[in-house]
């Protein structure tokens, strides 16, 4: 059986493993289980329409990830890398600490 592994972007340690079929499903499972996804590596991940509400994605690498239609409401995106992420139609709110991520988000919207 195939396992999807979510790893730490800096030291490659395993954050979460899932038997789900897609990365999106595995990430949603981790969020439901309240797994801390801080430092997670999601570069180029297809998370279209994912429900990531209240996820801890602090310092996660979401560079070039497909977040179209994703629900990121109340997600912690402090210091997360959203460079070149596809963010059309996302539900999202940023805290004062997430100014850089908000700027990346707006820049990505303008480029899409």
C-alpha atoms as a PDB file:
ATOM      1  CA  UNK A   1       0.000   0.000   0.000  1.00  0.00           C
ATOM      2  CA  UNK A   2       1.275   3.433  -0.954  1.00  0.00           C
ATOM      3  CA  UNK A   3       1.983   5.917   1.824  1.00  0.00           C
ATOM      4  CA  UNK A   4       2.000   9.690   1.452  1.00  0.00           C
ATOM      5  CA  UNK A   5       4.583  11.279   3.700  1.00  0.00           C
ATOM      6  CA  UNK A   6       4.571  14.925   4.759  1.00  0.00           C
ATOM      7  CA  UNK A   7       8.096  15.977   5.621  1.00  0.00           C
ATOM      8  CA  UNK A   8       9.848  18.873   7.322  1.00  0.00           C
ATOM      9  CA  UNK A   9      11.182  21.301   4.722  1.00  0.00           C
ATOM     10  CA  UNK A  10      14.470  21.818   6.570  1.00  0.00           C
ATOM     11  CA  UNK A  11      15.563  18.446   7.965  1.00  0.00           C
ATOM     12  CA  UNK A  12      13.403  15.996   5.968  1.00  0.00           C
ATOM     13  CA  UNK A  13      12.004  14.417   9.145  1.00  0.00           C
ATOM     14  CA  UNK A  14       8.550  12.866   8.904  1.00  0.00           C
ATOM     15  CA  UNK A  15       5.721  15.059  10.186  1.00  0.00           C
ATOM     16  CA  UNK A  16       2.820  12.821   9.150  1.00  0.00           C
ATOM     17  CA  UNK A  17       2.152   9.674   7.113  1.00  0.00           C
ATOM     18  CA  UNK A  18      -1.132   8.761   5.480  1.00  0.00           C
ATOM     19  CA  UNK A  19      -2.564   5.935   3.409  1.00  0.00           C
ATOM     20  CA  UNK A  20      -4.768   8.385   1.497  1.00  0.00           C
ATOM     21  CA  UNK A  21      -4.555   8.431  -2.308  1.00  0.00           C
ATOM     22  CA  UNK A  22      -3.678  12.101  -2.896  1.00  0.00           C
ATOM     23  CA  UNK A  23      -1.534  14.690  -1.162  1.00  0.00           C
ATOM     24  CA  UNK A  24      -4.650  16.845  -0.761  1.00  0.00           C
ATOM     25  CA  UNK A  25      -6.468  14.049   1.081  1.00  0.00           C
ATOM     26  CA  UNK A  26      -3.417  13.356   3.256  1.00  0.00           C
ATOM     27  CA  UNK A  27      -3.081  17.018   4.216  1.00  0.00           C
ATOM     28  CA  UNK A  28      -6.799  17.293   4.984  1.00  0.00           C
ATOM     29  CA  UNK A  29      -6.503  14.176   7.170  1.00  0.00           C
ATOM     30  CA  UNK A  30      -3.581  15.756   9.032  1.00  0.00           C
ATOM     31  CA  UNK A  31      -5.602  18.948   9.566  1.00  0.00           C
ATOM     32  CA  UNK A  32      -8.607  17.012  10.904  1.00  0.00           C
ATOM     33  CA  UNK A  33      -6.271  15.187  13.291  1.00  0.00           C
ATOM     34  CA  UNK A  34      -4.799  18.561  14.332  1.00  0.00           C
ATOM     35  CA  UNK A  35      -1.278  17.551  13.261  1.00  0.00           C
ATOM     36  CA  UNK A  36       1.167  20.441  13.518  1.00  0.00           C
ATOM     37  CA  UNK A  37       2.246  21.117   9.901  1.00  0.00           C
ATOM     38  CA  UNK A  38       4.770  23.773  10.849  1.00  0.00           C
ATOM     39  CA  UNK A  39       7.777  23.588   8.487  1.00  0.00           C
ATOM     40  CA  UNK A  40       5.944  21.187   6.142  1.00  0.00           C
ATOM     41  CA  UNK A  41       7.177  20.834   2.563  1.00  0.00           C
ATOM     42  CA  UNK A  42       4.364  21.341   0.045  1.00  0.00           C
ATOM     43  CA  UNK A  43       6.263  22.836  -2.893  1.00  0.00           C
ATOM     44  CA  UNK A  44       4.320  22.197  -6.136  1.00  0.00           C
ATOM     45  CA  UNK A  45       1.633  20.276  -4.180  1.00  0.00           C
ATOM     46  CA  UNK A  46      -1.850  20.091  -5.656  1.00  0.00           C
ATOM     47  CA  UNK A  47      -4.058  21.286  -2.807  1.00  0.00           C
ATOM     48  CA  UNK A  48      -6.851  22.596  -5.013  1.00  0.00           C
ATOM     49  CA  UNK A  49     -10.112  22.887  -3.052  1.00  0.00           C
ATOM     50  CA  UNK A  50      -8.446  21.548   0.105  1.00  0.00           C
ATOM     51  CA  UNK A  51     -10.022  22.317   3.448  1.00  0.00           C
ATOM     52  CA  UNK A  52      -7.092  23.642   5.485  1.00  0.00           C
ATOM     53  CA  UNK A  53      -9.147  25.674   7.926  1.00  0.00           C
ATOM     54  CA  UNK A  54      -7.232  26.360  11.152  1.00  0.00           C
ATOM     55  CA  UNK A  55      -4.163  24.427   9.942  1.00  0.00           C
ATOM     56  CA  UNK A  56      -0.805  25.329  11.437  1.00  0.00           C
ATOM     57  CA  UNK A  57       1.216  26.030   8.284  1.00  0.00           C
ATOM     58  CA  UNK A  58       3.692  28.331   9.979  1.00  0.00           C
ATOM     59  CA  UNK A  59       6.952  28.398   7.991  1.00  0.00           C
ATOM     60  CA  UNK A  60       5.581  25.777   5.582  1.00  0.00           C
ATOM     61  CA  UNK A  61       6.882  25.790   2.025  1.00  0.00           C
ATOM     62  CA  UNK A  62       3.887  26.264  -0.277  1.00  0.00           C
ATOM     63  CA  UNK A  63       5.951  27.621  -3.157  1.00  0.00           C
ATOM     64  CA  UNK A  64       4.187  27.003  -6.486  1.00  0.00           C
ATOM     65  CA  UNK A  65       1.490  24.967  -4.715  1.00  0.00           C
ATOM     66  CA  UNK A  66      -1.977  24.884  -6.246  1.00  0.00           C
ATOM     67  CA  UNK A  67      -4.219  26.427  -3.586  1.00  0.00           C
ATOM     68  CA  UNK A  68      -7.037  27.369  -5.953  1.00  0.00           C
ATOM     69  CA  UNK A  69     -10.382  27.303  -4.100  1.00  0.00           C
ATOM     70  CA  UNK A  70      -8.649  26.148  -0.898  1.00  0.00           C
ATOM     71  CA  UNK A  71     -10.063  27.083   2.484  1.00  0.00           C
ATOM     72  CA  UNK A  72      -7.230  28.625   4.502  1.00  0.00           C
ATOM     73  CA  UNK A  73      -9.497  30.490   6.884  1.00  0.00           C
ATOM     74  CA  UNK A  74      -7.841  30.859  10.301  1.00  0.00           C
ATOM     75  CA  UNK A  75      -4.780  28.931   9.086  1.00  0.00           C
ATOM     76  CA  UNK A  76      -1.481  30.073  10.578  1.00  0.00           C
ATOM     77  CA  UNK A  77       0.647  31.163   7.628  1.00  0.00           C
ATOM     78  CA  UNK A  78       3.225  33.144   9.557  1.00  0.00           C
ATOM     79  CA  UNK A  79       6.520  33.018   7.635  1.00  0.00           C
ATOM     80  CA  UNK A  80       5.079  30.482   5.169  1.00  0.00           C
ATOM     81  CA  UNK A  81       6.455  30.635   1.641  1.00  0.00           C
ATOM     82  CA  UNK A  82       3.599  31.366  -0.780  1.00  0.00           C
ATOM     83  CA  UNK A  83       5.815  32.454  -3.664  1.00  0.00           C
ATOM     84  CA  UNK A  84       4.196  31.636  -7.011  1.00  0.00           C
ATOM     85  CA  UNK A  85       1.376  29.721  -5.312  1.00  0.00           C
ATOM     86  CA  UNK A  86      -1.877  29.535  -7.263  1.00  0.00           C
ATOM     87  CA  UNK A  87      -4.313  31.284  -4.935  1.00  0.00           C
ATOM     88  CA  UNK A  88      -7.397  32.110  -6.996  1.00  0.00           C
ATOM     89  CA  UNK A  89     -10.661  31.953  -5.073  1.00  0.00           C
ATOM     90  CA  UNK A  90      -9.008  31.051  -1.754  1.00  0.00           C
ATOM     91  CA  UNK A  91     -10.804  31.729   1.487  1.00  0.00           C
ATOM     92  CA  UNK A  92      -8.114  33.261   3.656  1.00  0.00           C
ATOM     93  CA  UNK A  93      -7.457  35.782   6.369  1.00  0.00           C
ATOM     94  CA  UNK A  94      -4.076  37.107   7.452  1.00  0.00           C
ATOM     95  CA  UNK A  95      -2.979  38.259  10.890  1.00  0.00           C
ATOM     96  CA  UNK A  96      -0.717  41.247  11.475  1.00  0.00           C
ATOM     97  CA  UNK A  97       2.214  38.842  11.740  1.00  0.00           C
ATOM     98  CA  UNK A  98       1.591  37.533   8.212  1.00  0.00           C
ATOM     99  CA  UNK A  99       2.182  40.743   6.237  1.00  0.00           C
ATOM    100  CA  UNK A 100       4.826  39.188   3.959  1.00  0.00           C
ATOM    101  CA  UNK A 101       2.525  36.250   3.175  1.00  0.00           C
ATOM    102  CA  UNK A 102      -0.353  38.651   2.431  1.00  0.00           C
ATOM    103  CA  UNK A 103       1.906  40.563   0.040  1.00  0.00           C
ATOM    104  CA  UNK A 104       2.939  37.312  -1.705  1.00  0.00           C
ATOM    105  CA  UNK A 105      -0.719  36.296  -1.930  1.00  0.00           C
ATOM    106  CA  UNK A 106      -1.743  39.592  -3.578  1.00  0.00           C
ATOM    107  CA  UNK A 107       1.248  39.445  -5.941  1.00  0.00           C
ATOM    108  CA  UNK A 108       0.288  35.910  -6.978  1.00  0.00           C
ATOM    109  CA  UNK A 109      -3.306  36.986  -7.618  1.00  0.00           C
ATOM    110  CA  UNK A 110      -2.116  39.800  -9.875  1.00  0.00           C
ATOM    111  CA  UNK A 111       0.021  37.381 -11.891  1.00  0.00           C
ATOM    112  CA  UNK A 112      -2.726  34.801 -12.429  1.00  0.00           C
END
